[in-house]
Amino acid sequence: ELENQLTTKSKTLDELKQSLALNGSAEQTPEAQSLRIAELCEMKDSIVNQVAQLKASMQSILEQWRAYDEIYAEVSLMTTRYLYCIDQCKPSGEEASLEALKKQVKTLQ
């Protein structure tokens, strides 16, 4: 959106330059107008550079969030598996008799 706005402002600035070249103005001298337009062009160029830096920074942040999401999903899955295994390995309230352990092994297999 910022890039589109900058493009629009650049066109407006170009139109202003052309208008100044053709008509001039009684309010300011052509030199003062040219200086002001040059300042505006410099400010626009500075903003374009800042937007480009912001875009690169946002891309980097987006990539980091994607990596975070992938790792989070992986950790969540591992946690779920761990909790399932813990639940399956709990003794069933019986004494740890040989039969109970055999039954537990069979369940795990």
C-alpha atoms as a PDB file:
ATOM      1  CA  GLU A   1       0.000   0.000   0.000  1.00  0.00           C
ATOM      2  CA  LEU A   2       2.842   2.361   0.861  1.00  0.00           C
ATOM      3  CA  GLU A   3       4.541   1.561  -2.429  1.00  0.00           C
ATOM      4  CA  ASN A   4       1.337   2.377  -4.327  1.00  0.00           C
ATOM      5  CA  GLN A   5       0.974   5.662  -2.483  1.00  0.00           C
ATOM      6  CA  LEU A   6       4.598   6.535  -3.220  1.00  0.00           C
ATOM      7  CA  THR A   7       4.061   5.791  -6.910  1.00  0.00           C
ATOM      8  CA  THR A   8       1.048   8.101  -6.933  1.00  0.00           C
ATOM      9  CA  LYS A   9       2.984  10.857  -5.152  1.00  0.00           C
ATOM     10  CA  SER A  10       5.893  10.437  -7.569  1.00  0.00           C
ATOM     11  CA  LYS A  11       3.538  10.964 -10.508  1.00  0.00           C
ATOM     12  CA  THR A  12       2.094  14.042  -8.813  1.00  0.00           C
ATOM     13  CA  LEU A  13       5.590  15.382  -8.241  1.00  0.00           C
ATOM     14  CA  ASP A  14       6.508  14.778 -11.881  1.00  0.00           C
ATOM     15  CA  GLU A  15       3.358  16.621 -12.967  1.00  0.00           C
ATOM     16  CA  LEU A  16       4.302  19.498 -10.673  1.00  0.00           C
ATOM     17  CA  LYS A  17       7.772  19.668 -12.266  1.00  0.00           C
ATOM     18  CA  GLN A  18       6.261  19.755 -15.740  1.00  0.00           C
ATOM     19  CA  SER A  19       3.727  22.390 -14.719  1.00  0.00           C
ATOM     20  CA  LEU A  20       6.481  24.530 -13.218  1.00  0.00           C
ATOM     21  CA  ALA A  21       8.581  24.193 -16.349  1.00  0.00           C
ATOM     22  CA  LEU A  22       5.662  25.283 -18.539  1.00  0.00           C
ATOM     23  CA  ASN A  23       3.886  27.924 -16.472  1.00  0.00           C
ATOM     24  CA  GLY A  24       5.983  29.131 -13.586  1.00  0.00           C
ATOM     25  CA  SER A  25       4.350  30.970 -10.694  1.00  0.00           C
ATOM     26  CA  ALA A  26       4.051  34.540  -9.581  1.00  0.00           C
ATOM     27  CA  GLU A  27       4.091  33.563  -5.892  1.00  0.00           C
ATOM     28  CA  GLN A  28       7.651  32.221  -5.859  1.00  0.00           C
ATOM     29  CA  THR A  29      10.652  32.599  -8.058  1.00  0.00           C
ATOM     30  CA  PRO A  30      11.348  29.694 -10.407  1.00  0.00           C
ATOM     31  CA  GLU A  31      14.585  29.045  -8.507  1.00  0.00           C
ATOM     32  CA  ALA A  32      12.776  28.775  -5.166  1.00  0.00           C
ATOM     33  CA  GLN A  33      10.196  26.466  -6.694  1.00  0.00           C
ATOM     34  CA  SER A  34      12.910  24.311  -8.240  1.00  0.00           C
ATOM     35  CA  LEU A  35      14.680  24.066  -4.877  1.00  0.00           C
ATOM     36  CA  ARG A  36      11.450  23.105  -3.142  1.00  0.00           C
ATOM     37  CA  ILE A  37      10.717  20.457  -5.758  1.00  0.00           C
ATOM     38  CA  ALA A  38      14.264  19.115  -5.420  1.00  0.00           C
ATOM     39  CA  GLU A  39      13.745  18.878  -1.642  1.00  0.00           C
ATOM     40  CA  LEU A  40      10.483  17.019  -2.198  1.00  0.00           C
ATOM     41  CA  CYS A  41      12.223  14.616  -4.585  1.00  0.00           C
ATOM     42  CA  GLU A  42      14.948  13.944  -2.010  1.00  0.00           C
ATOM     43  CA  MET A  43      12.341  13.324   0.690  1.00  0.00           C
ATOM     44  CA  LYS A  44      10.446  10.977  -1.645  1.00  0.00           C
ATOM     45  CA  ASP A  45      13.640   9.067  -2.451  1.00  0.00           C
ATOM     46  CA  SER A  46      14.406   8.779   1.257  1.00  0.00           C
ATOM     47  CA  ILE A  47      10.925   7.426   1.943  1.00  0.00           C
ATOM     48  CA  VAL A  48      11.239   4.949  -0.941  1.00  0.00           C
ATOM     49  CA  ASN A  49      14.491   3.666   0.595  1.00  0.00           C
ATOM     50  CA  GLN A  50      12.885   3.398   4.044  1.00  0.00           C
ATOM     51  CA  VAL A  51       9.948   1.476   2.607  1.00  0.00           C
ATOM     52  CA  ALA A  52      12.342  -0.907   0.836  1.00  0.00           C
ATOM     53  CA  GLN A  53      14.203  -1.478   4.117  1.00  0.00           C
ATOM     54  CA  LEU A  54      10.921  -2.001   5.954  1.00  0.00           C
ATOM     55  CA  LYS A  55       9.791  -4.493   3.322  1.00  0.00           C
ATOM     56  CA  ALA A  56      13.046  -6.466   3.628  1.00  0.00           C
ATOM     57  CA  SER A  57      12.744  -6.427   7.420  1.00  0.00           C
ATOM     58  CA  MET A  58       9.135  -7.601   7.270  1.00  0.00           C
ATOM     59  CA  GLN A  59      10.125 -10.443   4.919  1.00  0.00           C
ATOM     60  CA  SER A  60      12.762 -11.544   7.414  1.00  0.00           C
ATOM     61  CA  ILE A  61      10.269 -11.397  10.279  1.00  0.00           C
ATOM     62  CA  LEU A  62       7.722 -13.346   8.236  1.00  0.00           C
ATOM     63  CA  GLU A  63      10.299 -16.076   7.543  1.00  0.00           C
ATOM     64  CA  GLN A  64      11.139 -16.251  11.255  1.00  0.00           C
ATOM     65  CA  TRP A  65       7.444 -16.616  12.142  1.00  0.00           C
ATOM     66  CA  ARG A  66       7.078 -19.395   9.591  1.00  0.00           C
ATOM     67  CA  ALA A  67      10.025 -21.210  11.158  1.00  0.00           C
ATOM     68  CA  TYR A  68       8.499 -20.663  14.603  1.00  0.00           C
ATOM     69  CA  ASP A  69       5.154 -22.079  13.460  1.00  0.00           C
ATOM     70  CA  GLU A  70       6.831 -25.172  12.020  1.00  0.00           C
ATOM     71  CA  ILE A  71       8.878 -25.781  15.166  1.00  0.00           C
ATOM     72  CA  TYR A  72       5.857 -25.132  17.389  1.00  0.00           C
ATOM     73  CA  ALA A  73       3.791 -27.687  15.480  1.00  0.00           C
ATOM     74  CA  GLU A  74       6.610 -30.206  15.782  1.00  0.00           C
ATOM     75  CA  VAL A  75       7.017 -29.615  19.524  1.00  0.00           C
ATOM     76  CA  SER A  76       3.261 -29.801  20.026  1.00  0.00           C
ATOM     77  CA  LEU A  77       3.134 -33.147  18.245  1.00  0.00           C
ATOM     78  CA  MET A  78       6.061 -34.470  20.277  1.00  0.00           C
ATOM     79  CA  THR A  79       4.386 -33.310  23.503  1.00  0.00           C
ATOM     80  CA  THR A  80       1.164 -35.049  22.548  1.00  0.00           C
ATOM     81  CA  ARG A  81       3.063 -38.253  21.810  1.00  0.00           C
ATOM     82  CA  TYR A  82       4.935 -37.968  25.101  1.00  0.00           C
ATOM     83  CA  LEU A  83       1.715 -37.487  27.060  1.00  0.00           C
ATOM     84  CA  TYR A  84       0.149 -40.466  25.286  1.00  0.00           C
ATOM     85  CA  CYS A  85       3.155 -42.647  26.129  1.00  0.00           C
ATOM     86  CA  ILE A  86       3.084 -41.504  29.748  1.00  0.00           C
ATOM     87  CA  ASP A  87      -0.609 -42.317  29.907  1.00  0.00           C
ATOM     88  CA  GLN A  88      -0.030 -45.768  28.417  1.00  0.00           C
ATOM     89  CA  CYS A  89       2.854 -46.537  30.758  1.00  0.00           C
ATOM     90  CA  LYS A  90       1.001 -45.763  33.984  1.00  0.00           C
ATOM     91  CA  PRO A  91       0.473 -48.735  36.213  1.00  0.00           C
ATOM     92  CA  SER A  92      -3.186 -49.653  36.295  1.00  0.00           C
ATOM     93  CA  GLY A  93      -3.528 -49.425  40.040  1.00  0.00           C
ATOM     94  CA  GLU A  94      -2.633 -53.079  40.483  1.00  0.00           C
ATOM     95  CA  GLU A  95       0.506 -54.184  42.179  1.00  0.00           C
ATOM     96  CA  ALA A  96       3.456 -54.517  39.867  1.00  0.00           C
ATOM     97  CA  SER A  97       2.979 -58.251  39.610  1.00  0.00           C
ATOM     98  CA  LEU A  98       4.467 -60.291  36.836  1.00  0.00           C
ATOM     99  CA  GLU A  99       1.041 -60.701  35.234  1.00  0.00           C
ATOM    100  CA  ALA A 100       0.369 -56.963  35.371  1.00  0.00           C
ATOM    101  CA  LEU A 101       3.721 -56.225  33.772  1.00  0.00           C
ATOM    102  CA  LYS A 102       3.119 -58.815  31.036  1.00  0.00           C
ATOM    103  CA  LYS A 103      -0.251 -57.236  30.346  1.00  0.00           C
ATOM    104  CA  GLN A 104       1.404 -53.784  30.187  1.00  0.00           C
ATOM    105  CA  VAL A 105       4.046 -55.065  27.714  1.00  0.00           C
ATOM    106  CA  LYS A 106       1.337 -56.599  25.557  1.00  0.00           C
ATOM    107  CA  THR A 107      -0.602 -53.337  25.542  1.00  0.00           C
ATOM    108  CA  LEU A 108       2.470 -51.377  24.557  1.00  0.00           C
ATOM    109  CA  GLN A 109       3.299 -53.784  21.767  1.00  0.00           C
END
